[in-house]
Amino acid sequence: ELWWVWNPESVSDPMSKEFIIPYQSELDRF
């Protein structure tokens, strides 16, 4: 497993683009 731990700073950073934006609706809901 690869574990990522972070405090986001911008929706344009690679971590947000890869792991938050694609799943935003589920993350907001659940």
PDB file of all heavy atoms in Angstrom:
ATOM      1  N   GLU A   1       0.836  -1.204   0.000  1.00  0.00           N
ATOM      2  CA  GLU A   1       0.000   0.000   0.000  1.00  0.00           C
ATOM      3  C   GLU A   1       0.872   1.255   0.000  1.00  0.00           C
ATOM      4  O   GLU A   1       1.934   1.279   0.610  1.00  0.00           O
ATOM      5  CB  GLU A   1      -0.892   0.050   1.243  1.00  0.00           C
ATOM      6  CG  GLU A   1      -1.865  -1.092   1.325  1.00  0.00           C
ATOM      7  CD  GLU A   1      -2.691  -1.097   2.601  1.00  0.00           C
ATOM      8  OE1 GLU A   1      -2.426  -0.269   3.507  1.00  0.00           O
ATOM      9  OE2 GLU A   1      -3.600  -1.926   2.685  1.00  0.00           O
ATOM     10  N   LEU A   2       0.368   2.278  -0.650  1.00  0.00           N
ATOM     11  CA  LEU A   2       0.989   3.592  -0.628  1.00  0.00           C
ATOM     12  C   LEU A   2       0.044   4.518   0.134  1.00  0.00           C
ATOM     13  O   LEU A   2      -1.100   4.705  -0.275  1.00  0.00           O
ATOM     14  CB  LEU A   2       1.194   4.085  -2.052  1.00  0.00           C
ATOM     15  CG  LEU A   2       2.201   5.195  -2.258  1.00  0.00           C
ATOM     16  CD1 LEU A   2       2.638   5.239  -3.709  1.00  0.00           C
ATOM     17  CD2 LEU A   2       1.735   6.519  -1.793  1.00  0.00           C
ATOM     18  N   TRP A   3       0.510   5.044   1.246  1.00  0.00           N
ATOM     19  CA  TRP A   3      -0.292   5.942   2.081  1.00  0.00           C
ATOM     20  C   TRP A   3       0.155   7.375   1.835  1.00  0.00           C
ATOM     21  O   TRP A   3       1.341   7.684   1.909  1.00  0.00           O
ATOM     22  CB  TRP A   3      -0.118   5.604   3.558  1.00  0.00           C
ATOM     23  CG  TRP A   3      -0.808   4.352   4.009  1.00  0.00           C
ATOM     24  CD1 TRP A   3      -0.946   3.183   3.335  1.00  0.00           C
ATOM     25  CD2 TRP A   3      -1.442   4.150   5.271  1.00  0.00           C
ATOM     26  NE1 TRP A   3      -1.622   2.267   4.090  1.00  0.00           N
ATOM     27  CE2 TRP A   3      -1.934   2.839   5.290  1.00  0.00           C
ATOM     28  CE3 TRP A   3      -1.614   4.953   6.405  1.00  0.00           C
ATOM     29  CZ2 TRP A   3      -2.605   2.306   6.372  1.00  0.00           C
ATOM     30  CZ3 TRP A   3      -2.285   4.431   7.486  1.00  0.00           C
ATOM     31  CH2 TRP A   3      -2.785   3.120   7.468  1.00  0.00           C
ATOM     32  N   TRP A   4      -0.814   8.250   1.565  1.00  0.00           N
ATOM     33  CA  TRP A   4      -0.564   9.670   1.358  1.00  0.00           C
ATOM     34  C   TRP A   4      -1.228  10.428   2.518  1.00  0.00           C
ATOM     35  O   TRP A   4      -2.401  10.192   2.810  1.00  0.00           O
ATOM     36  CB  TRP A   4      -1.196  10.152   0.063  1.00  0.00           C
ATOM     37  CG  TRP A   4      -0.852   9.389  -1.182  1.00  0.00           C
ATOM     38  CD1 TRP A   4      -1.548   8.351  -1.731  1.00  0.00           C
ATOM     39  CD2 TRP A   4       0.252   9.623  -2.050  1.00  0.00           C
ATOM     40  NE1 TRP A   4      -0.937   7.929  -2.885  1.00  0.00           N
ATOM     41  CE2 TRP A   4       0.169   8.700  -3.103  1.00  0.00           C
ATOM     42  CE3 TRP A   4       1.307  10.538  -2.038  1.00  0.00           C
ATOM     43  CZ2 TRP A   4       1.083   8.656  -4.137  1.00  0.00           C
ATOM     44  CZ3 TRP A   4       2.218  10.495  -3.074  1.00  0.00           C
ATOM     45  CH2 TRP A   4       2.107   9.558  -4.111  1.00  0.00           C
ATOM     46  N   VAL A   5      -0.512  11.356   3.126  1.00  0.00           N
ATOM     47  CA  VAL A   5      -1.052  12.175   4.216  1.00  0.00           C
ATOM     48  C   VAL A   5      -0.738  13.633   3.894  1.00  0.00           C
ATOM     49  O   VAL A   5       0.429  13.972   3.655  1.00  0.00           O
ATOM     50  CB  VAL A   5      -0.414  11.792   5.576  1.00  0.00           C
ATOM     51  CG1 VAL A   5      -0.965  12.653   6.695  1.00  0.00           C
ATOM     52  CG2 VAL A   5      -0.640  10.309   5.878  1.00  0.00           C
ATOM     53  N   TRP A   6      -1.779  14.496   3.875  1.00  0.00           N
ATOM     54  CA  TRP A   6      -1.512  15.895   3.532  1.00  0.00           C
ATOM     55  C   TRP A   6      -2.651  16.833   3.923  1.00  0.00           C
ATOM     56  O   TRP A   6      -3.775  16.424   4.140  1.00  0.00           O
ATOM     57  CB  TRP A   6      -1.195  16.035   2.056  1.00  0.00           C
ATOM     58  CG  TRP A   6      -2.349  16.035   1.092  1.00  0.00           C
ATOM     59  CD1 TRP A   6      -2.907  17.125   0.493  1.00  0.00           C
ATOM     60  CD2 TRP A   6      -3.074  14.913   0.574  1.00  0.00           C
ATOM     61  NE1 TRP A   6      -3.924  16.755  -0.359  1.00  0.00           N
ATOM     62  CE2 TRP A   6      -4.035  15.394  -0.319  1.00  0.00           C
ATOM     63  CE3 TRP A   6      -2.994  13.535   0.787  1.00  0.00           C
ATOM     64  CZ2 TRP A   6      -4.920  14.555  -1.000  1.00  0.00           C
ATOM     65  CZ3 TRP A   6      -3.871  12.697   0.111  1.00  0.00           C
ATOM     66  CH2 TRP A   6      -4.817  13.204  -0.775  1.00  0.00           C
ATOM     67  N   ASN A   7      -2.288  18.110   3.996  1.00  0.00           N
ATOM     68  CA  ASN A   7      -3.224  19.213   4.161  1.00  0.00           C
ATOM     69  C   ASN A   7      -3.257  19.946   2.822  1.00  0.00           C
ATOM     70  O   ASN A   7      -2.259  20.565   2.440  1.00  0.00           O
ATOM     71  CB  ASN A   7      -2.756  20.187   5.259  1.00  0.00           C
ATOM     72  CG  ASN A   7      -2.662  19.534   6.616  1.00  0.00           C
ATOM     73  OD1 ASN A   7      -3.363  18.580   6.917  1.00  0.00           O
ATOM     74  ND2 ASN A   7      -1.772  20.038   7.441  1.00  0.00           N
ATOM     75  N   PRO A   8      -4.370  19.874   2.090  1.00  0.00           N
ATOM     76  CA  PRO A   8      -4.413  20.491   0.759  1.00  0.00           C
ATOM     77  C   PRO A   8      -4.229  22.010   0.836  1.00  0.00           C
ATOM     78  O   PRO A   8      -4.632  22.637   1.802  1.00  0.00           O
ATOM     79  CB  PRO A   8      -5.814  20.166   0.248  1.00  0.00           C
ATOM     80  CG  PRO A   8      -6.362  19.142   1.157  1.00  0.00           C
ATOM     81  CD  PRO A   8      -5.617  19.220   2.439  1.00  0.00           C
ATOM     82  N   GLU A   9      -3.613  22.538  -0.212  1.00  0.00           N
ATOM     83  CA  GLU A   9      -3.430  23.985  -0.307  1.00  0.00           C
ATOM     84  C   GLU A   9      -4.164  24.572  -1.496  1.00  0.00           C
ATOM     85  O   GLU A   9      -4.564  25.719  -1.467  1.00  0.00           O
ATOM     86  CB  GLU A   9      -1.936  24.321  -0.396  1.00  0.00           C
ATOM     87  CG  GLU A   9      -1.189  23.997   0.873  1.00  0.00           C
ATOM     88  CD  GLU A   9       0.309  24.265   0.762  1.00  0.00           C
ATOM     89  OE1 GLU A   9       0.799  24.620  -0.334  1.00  0.00           O
ATOM     90  OE2 GLU A   9       0.987  24.128   1.793  1.00  0.00           O
ATOM     91  N   SER A  10      -4.336  23.779  -2.565  1.00  0.00           N
ATOM     92  CA  SER A  10      -4.933  24.305  -3.786  1.00  0.00           C
ATOM     93  C   SER A  10      -5.585  23.164  -4.571  1.00  0.00           C
ATOM     94  O   SER A  10      -5.087  22.046  -4.576  1.00  0.00           O
ATOM     95  CB  SER A  10      -3.837  24.953  -4.644  1.00  0.00           C
ATOM     96  OG  SER A  10      -4.292  25.195  -5.948  1.00  0.00           O
ATOM     97  N   VAL A  11      -6.661  23.477  -5.257  1.00  0.00           N
ATOM     98  CA  VAL A  11      -7.308  22.470  -6.104  1.00  0.00           C
ATOM     99  C   VAL A  11      -6.472  22.159  -7.335  1.00  0.00           C
ATOM    100  O   VAL A  11      -6.730  21.181  -8.025  1.00  0.00           O
ATOM    101  CB  VAL A  11      -8.735  22.902  -6.535  1.00  0.00           C
ATOM    102  CG1 VAL A  11      -9.657  23.002  -5.348  1.00  0.00           C
ATOM    103  CG2 VAL A  11      -8.699  24.198  -7.317  1.00  0.00           C
ATOM    104  N   SER A  12      -5.463  22.982  -7.593  1.00  0.00           N
ATOM    105  CA  SER A  12      -4.631  22.756  -8.781  1.00  0.00           C
ATOM    106  C   SER A  12      -3.370  21.944  -8.491  1.00  0.00           C
ATOM    107  O   SER A  12      -2.634  21.626  -9.420  1.00  0.00           O
ATOM    108  CB  SER A  12      -4.258  24.093  -9.418  1.00  0.00           C
ATOM    109  OG  SER A  12      -3.494  24.866  -8.527  1.00  0.00           O
ATOM    110  N   ASP A  13      -3.102  21.585  -7.207  1.00  0.00           N
ATOM    111  CA  ASP A  13      -1.906  20.784  -6.945  1.00  0.00           C
ATOM    112  C   ASP A  13      -2.147  19.336  -7.388  1.00  0.00           C
ATOM    113  O   ASP A  13      -3.283  18.884  -7.460  1.00  0.00           O
ATOM    114  CB  ASP A  13      -1.460  20.876  -5.478  1.00  0.00           C
ATOM    115  CG  ASP A  13      -2.445  20.264  -4.500  1.00  0.00           C
ATOM    116  OD1 ASP A  13      -2.736  19.056  -4.620  1.00  0.00           O
ATOM    117  OD2 ASP A  13      -2.910  20.981  -3.600  1.00  0.00           O
ATOM    118  N   PRO A  14      -1.085  18.600  -7.707  1.00  0.00           N
ATOM    119  CA  PRO A  14      -1.231  17.235  -8.224  1.00  0.00           C
ATOM    120  C   PRO A  14      -2.016  16.303  -7.297  1.00  0.00           C
ATOM    121  O   PRO A  14      -2.794  15.471  -7.777  1.00  0.00           O
ATOM    122  CB  PRO A  14       0.208  16.756  -8.401  1.00  0.00           C
ATOM    123  CG  PRO A  14       0.992  17.997  -8.631  1.00  0.00           C
ATOM    124  CD  PRO A  14       0.322  19.040  -7.767  1.00  0.00           C
ATOM    125  N   MET A  15      -1.840  16.424  -5.986  1.00  0.00           N
ATOM    126  CA  MET A  15      -2.567  15.541  -5.064  1.00  0.00           C
ATOM    127  C   MET A  15      -4.069  15.788  -5.126  1.00  0.00           C
ATOM    128  O   MET A  15      -4.857  14.843  -5.112  1.00  0.00           O
ATOM    129  CB  MET A  15      -2.047  15.715  -3.635  1.00  0.00           C
ATOM    130  CG  MET A  15      -0.641  15.194  -3.418  1.00  0.00           C
ATOM    131  SD  MET A  15      -0.469  13.422  -3.738  1.00  0.00           S
ATOM    132  CE  MET A  15      -1.449  12.755  -2.409  1.00  0.00           C
ATOM    133  N   SER A  16      -4.459  17.047  -5.183  1.00  0.00           N
ATOM    134  CA  SER A  16      -5.892  17.365  -5.290  1.00  0.00           C
ATOM    135  C   SER A  16      -6.459  16.871  -6.606  1.00  0.00           C
ATOM    136  O   SER A  16      -7.551  16.302  -6.651  1.00  0.00           O
ATOM    137  CB  SER A  16      -6.116  18.875  -5.150  1.00  0.00           C
ATOM    138  OG  SER A  16      -5.801  19.307  -3.849  1.00  0.00           O
ATOM    139  N   LYS A  17      -5.718  17.090  -7.691  1.00  0.00           N
ATOM    140  CA  LYS A  17      -6.177  16.643  -9.010  1.00  0.00           C
ATOM    141  C   LYS A  17      -6.310  15.124  -9.086  1.00  0.00           C
ATOM    142  O   LYS A  17      -7.227  14.602  -9.714  1.00  0.00           O
ATOM    143  CB  LYS A  17      -5.214  17.122 -10.099  1.00  0.00           C
ATOM    144  CG  LYS A  17      -5.302  18.596 -10.377  1.00  0.00           C
ATOM    145  CD  LYS A  17      -4.309  18.960 -11.469  1.00  0.00           C
ATOM    146  CE  LYS A  17      -4.367  20.406 -11.834  1.00  0.00           C
ATOM    147  NZ  LYS A  17      -3.365  20.756 -12.858  1.00  0.00           N
ATOM    148  N   GLU A  18      -5.393  14.416  -8.432  1.00  0.00           N
ATOM    149  CA  GLU A  18      -5.360  12.950  -8.514  1.00  0.00           C
ATOM    150  C   GLU A  18      -6.340  12.285  -7.545  1.00  0.00           C
ATOM    151  O   GLU A  18      -6.967  11.284  -7.879  1.00  0.00           O
ATOM    152  CB  GLU A  18      -3.935  12.464  -8.228  1.00  0.00           C
ATOM    153  CG  GLU A  18      -3.727  10.990  -8.434  1.00  0.00           C
ATOM    154  CD  GLU A  18      -3.489  10.619  -9.884  1.00  0.00           C
ATOM    155  OE1 GLU A  18      -3.107  11.475 -10.694  1.00  0.00           O
ATOM    156  OE2 GLU A  18      -3.698   9.437 -10.204  1.00  0.00           O
ATOM    157  N   PHE A  19      -6.453  12.828  -6.312  1.00  0.00           N
ATOM    158  CA  PHE A  19      -7.153  12.091  -5.255  1.00  0.00           C
ATOM    159  C   PHE A  19      -8.344  12.811  -4.617  1.00  0.00           C
ATOM    160  O   PHE A  19      -9.038  12.206  -3.802  1.00  0.00           O
ATOM    161  CB  PHE A  19      -6.159  11.704  -4.149  1.00  0.00           C
ATOM    162  CG  PHE A  19      -5.095  10.760  -4.616  1.00  0.00           C
ATOM    163  CD1 PHE A  19      -3.783  11.174  -4.719  1.00  0.00           C
ATOM    164  CD2 PHE A  19      -5.409   9.462  -4.981  1.00  0.00           C
ATOM    165  CE1 PHE A  19      -2.791  10.302  -5.154  1.00  0.00           C
ATOM    166  CE2 PHE A  19      -4.436   8.593  -5.418  1.00  0.00           C
ATOM    167  CZ  PHE A  19      -3.123   9.014  -5.512  1.00  0.00           C
ATOM    168  N   ILE A  20      -8.579  14.072  -4.945  1.00  0.00           N
ATOM    169  CA  ILE A  20      -9.746  14.755  -4.379  1.00  0.00           C
ATOM    170  C   ILE A  20     -10.764  15.094  -5.452  1.00  0.00           C
ATOM    171  O   ILE A  20     -11.923  14.666  -5.375  1.00  0.00           O
ATOM    172  CB  ILE A  20      -9.335  16.034  -3.600  1.00  0.00           C
ATOM    173  CG1 ILE A  20      -8.444  15.670  -2.415  1.00  0.00           C
ATOM    174  CG2 ILE A  20     -10.584  16.784  -3.114  1.00  0.00           C
ATOM    175  CD1 ILE A  20      -7.881  16.869  -1.649  1.00  0.00           C
ATOM    176  N   ILE A  21     -10.352  15.842  -6.472  1.00  0.00           N
ATOM    177  CA  ILE A  21     -11.275  16.316  -7.513  1.00  0.00           C
ATOM    178  C   ILE A  21     -12.077  15.173  -8.158  1.00  0.00           C
ATOM    179  O   ILE A  21     -13.302  15.285  -8.283  1.00  0.00           O
ATOM    180  CB  ILE A  21     -10.515  17.139  -8.596  1.00  0.00           C
ATOM    181  CG1 ILE A  21      -9.763  18.316  -7.980  1.00  0.00           C
ATOM    182  CG2 ILE A  21     -11.464  17.589  -9.701  1.00  0.00           C
ATOM    183  CD1 ILE A  21     -10.604  19.301  -7.207  1.00  0.00           C
ATOM    184  N   PRO A  22     -11.468  14.047  -8.545  1.00  0.00           N
ATOM    185  CA  PRO A  22     -12.259  12.986  -9.185  1.00  0.00           C
ATOM    186  C   PRO A  22     -13.333  12.383  -8.276  1.00  0.00           C
ATOM    187  O   PRO A  22     -14.298  11.802  -8.767  1.00  0.00           O
ATOM    188  CB  PRO A  22     -11.218  11.917  -9.543  1.00  0.00           C
ATOM    189  CG  PRO A  22      -9.905  12.602  -9.500  1.00  0.00           C
ATOM    190  CD  PRO A  22     -10.038  13.704  -8.508  1.00  0.00           C
ATOM    191  N   TYR A  23     -13.169  12.518  -6.976  1.00  0.00           N
ATOM    192  CA  TYR A  23     -14.091  11.890  -6.024  1.00  0.00           C
ATOM    193  C   TYR A  23     -14.837  12.926  -5.182  1.00  0.00           C
ATOM    194  O   TYR A  23     -15.397  12.594  -4.142  1.00  0.00           O
ATOM    195  CB  TYR A  23     -13.297  10.951  -5.094  1.00  0.00           C
ATOM    196  CG  TYR A  23     -12.329  10.069  -5.835  1.00  0.00           C
ATOM    197  CD1 TYR A  23     -10.954  10.186  -5.636  1.00  0.00           C
ATOM    198  CD2 TYR A  23     -12.778   9.133  -6.765  1.00  0.00           C
ATOM    199  CE1 TYR A  23     -10.052   9.387  -6.331  1.00  0.00           C
ATOM    200  CE2 TYR A  23     -11.889   8.334  -7.458  1.00  0.00           C
ATOM    201  CZ  TYR A  23     -10.525   8.468  -7.240  1.00  0.00           C
ATOM    202  OH  TYR A  23      -9.652   7.681  -7.931  1.00  0.00           O
ATOM    203  N   GLN A  24     -14.823  14.179  -5.620  1.00  0.00           N
ATOM    204  CA  GLN A  24     -15.335  15.289  -4.830  1.00  0.00           C
ATOM    205  C   GLN A  24     -16.773  15.094  -4.360  1.00  0.00           C
ATOM    206  O   GLN A  24     -17.088  15.356  -3.203  1.00  0.00           O
ATOM    207  CB  GLN A  24     -15.227  16.603  -5.609  1.00  0.00           C
ATOM    208  CG  GLN A  24     -15.467  17.834  -4.762  1.00  0.00           C
ATOM    209  CD  GLN A  24     -14.357  18.061  -3.766  1.00  0.00           C
ATOM    210  OE1 GLN A  24     -13.221  18.296  -4.157  1.00  0.00           O
ATOM    211  NE2 GLN A  24     -14.667  17.974  -2.495  1.00  0.00           N
ATOM    212  N   SER A  25     -17.656  14.601  -5.219  1.00  0.00           N
ATOM    213  CA  SER A  25     -19.060  14.462  -4.811  1.00  0.00           C
ATOM    214  C   SER A  25     -19.215  13.452  -3.675  1.00  0.00           C
ATOM    215  O   SER A  25     -19.949  13.699  -2.719  1.00  0.00           O
ATOM    216  CB  SER A  25     -19.961  14.102  -5.998  1.00  0.00           C
ATOM    217  OG  SER A  25     -19.580  12.865  -6.551  1.00  0.00           O
ATOM    218  N   GLU A  26     -18.516  12.320  -3.753  1.00  0.00           N
ATOM    219  CA  GLU A  26     -18.580  11.327  -2.677  1.00  0.00           C
ATOM    220  C   GLU A  26     -17.922  11.849  -1.400  1.00  0.00           C
ATOM    221  O   GLU A  26     -18.411  11.630  -0.293  1.00  0.00           O
ATOM    222  CB  GLU A  26     -17.906  10.013  -3.088  1.00  0.00           C
ATOM    223  CG  GLU A  26     -18.680   9.209  -4.111  1.00  0.00           C
ATOM    224  CD  GLU A  26     -18.325   9.614  -5.545  1.00  0.00           C
ATOM    225  OE1 GLU A  26     -17.597  10.621  -5.748  1.00  0.00           O
ATOM    226  OE2 GLU A  26     -18.792   8.940  -6.468  1.00  0.00           O
ATOM    227  N   LEU A  27     -16.809  12.563  -1.538  1.00  0.00           N
ATOM    228  CA  LEU A  27     -16.122  13.129  -0.375  1.00  0.00           C
ATOM    229  C   LEU A  27     -16.987  14.170   0.319  1.00  0.00           C
ATOM    230  O   LEU A  27     -17.065  14.193   1.556  1.00  0.00           O
ATOM    231  CB  LEU A  27     -14.775  13.737  -0.794  1.00  0.00           C
ATOM    232  CG  LEU A  27     -13.726  12.731  -1.239  1.00  0.00           C
ATOM    233  CD1 LEU A  27     -12.579  13.436  -1.947  1.00  0.00           C
ATOM    234  CD2 LEU A  27     -13.226  11.919  -0.063  1.00  0.00           C
ATOM    235  N   ASP A  28     -17.671  15.009  -0.456  1.00  0.00           N
ATOM    236  CA  ASP A  28     -18.564  16.012   0.130  1.00  0.00           C
ATOM    237  C   ASP A  28     -19.763  15.356   0.822  1.00  0.00           C
ATOM    238  O   ASP A  28     -20.195  15.806   1.877  1.00  0.00           O
ATOM    239  CB  ASP A  28     -19.072  16.979  -0.944  1.00  0.00           C
ATOM    240  CG  ASP A  28     -18.000  17.913  -1.451  1.00  0.00           C
ATOM    241  OD1 ASP A  28     -16.944  18.053  -0.787  1.00  0.00           O
ATOM    242  OD2 ASP A  28     -18.212  18.511  -2.532  1.00  0.00           O
ATOM    243  N   ARG A  29     -20.254  14.306   0.215  1.00  0.00           N
ATOM    244  CA  ARG A  29     -21.454  13.652   0.753  1.00  0.00           C
ATOM    245  C   ARG A  29     -21.153  12.751   1.956  1.00  0.00           C
ATOM    246  O   ARG A  29     -21.860  12.784   2.956  1.00  0.00           O
ATOM    247  CB  ARG A  29     -22.116  12.832  -0.344  1.00  0.00           C
ATOM    248  CG  ARG A  29     -23.431  12.239   0.062  1.00  0.00           C
ATOM    249  CD  ARG A  29     -24.172  11.704  -1.113  1.00  0.00           C
ATOM    250  NE  ARG A  29     -25.422  11.116  -0.654  1.00  0.00           N
ATOM    251  CZ  ARG A  29     -26.107  10.253  -1.340  1.00  0.00           C
ATOM    252  NH1 ARG A  29     -25.707   9.875  -2.530  1.00  0.00           N
ATOM    253  NH2 ARG A  29     -27.222   9.752  -0.866  1.00  0.00           N
ATOM    254  N   PHE A  30     -20.086  11.945   1.877  1.00  0.00           N
ATOM    255  CA  PHE A  30     -19.818  10.929   2.896  1.00  0.00           C
ATOM    256  C   PHE A  30     -18.550  11.178   3.729  1.00  0.00           C
ATOM    257  O   PHE A  30     -18.347  10.526   4.746  1.00  0.00           O
ATOM    258  CB  PHE A  30     -19.701   9.541   2.253  1.00  0.00           C
ATOM    259  CG  PHE A  30     -20.898   9.147   1.436  1.00  0.00           C
ATOM    260  CD1 PHE A  30     -20.797   9.041   0.062  1.00  0.00           C
ATOM    261  CD2 PHE A  30     -22.123   8.888   2.040  1.00  0.00           C
ATOM    262  CE1 PHE A  30     -21.900   8.676  -0.702  1.00  0.00           C
ATOM    263  CE2 PHE A  30     -23.224   8.525   1.286  1.00  0.00           C
ATOM    264  CZ  PHE A  30     -23.120   8.424  -0.094  1.00  0.00           C
TER     265      PHE A  30
END
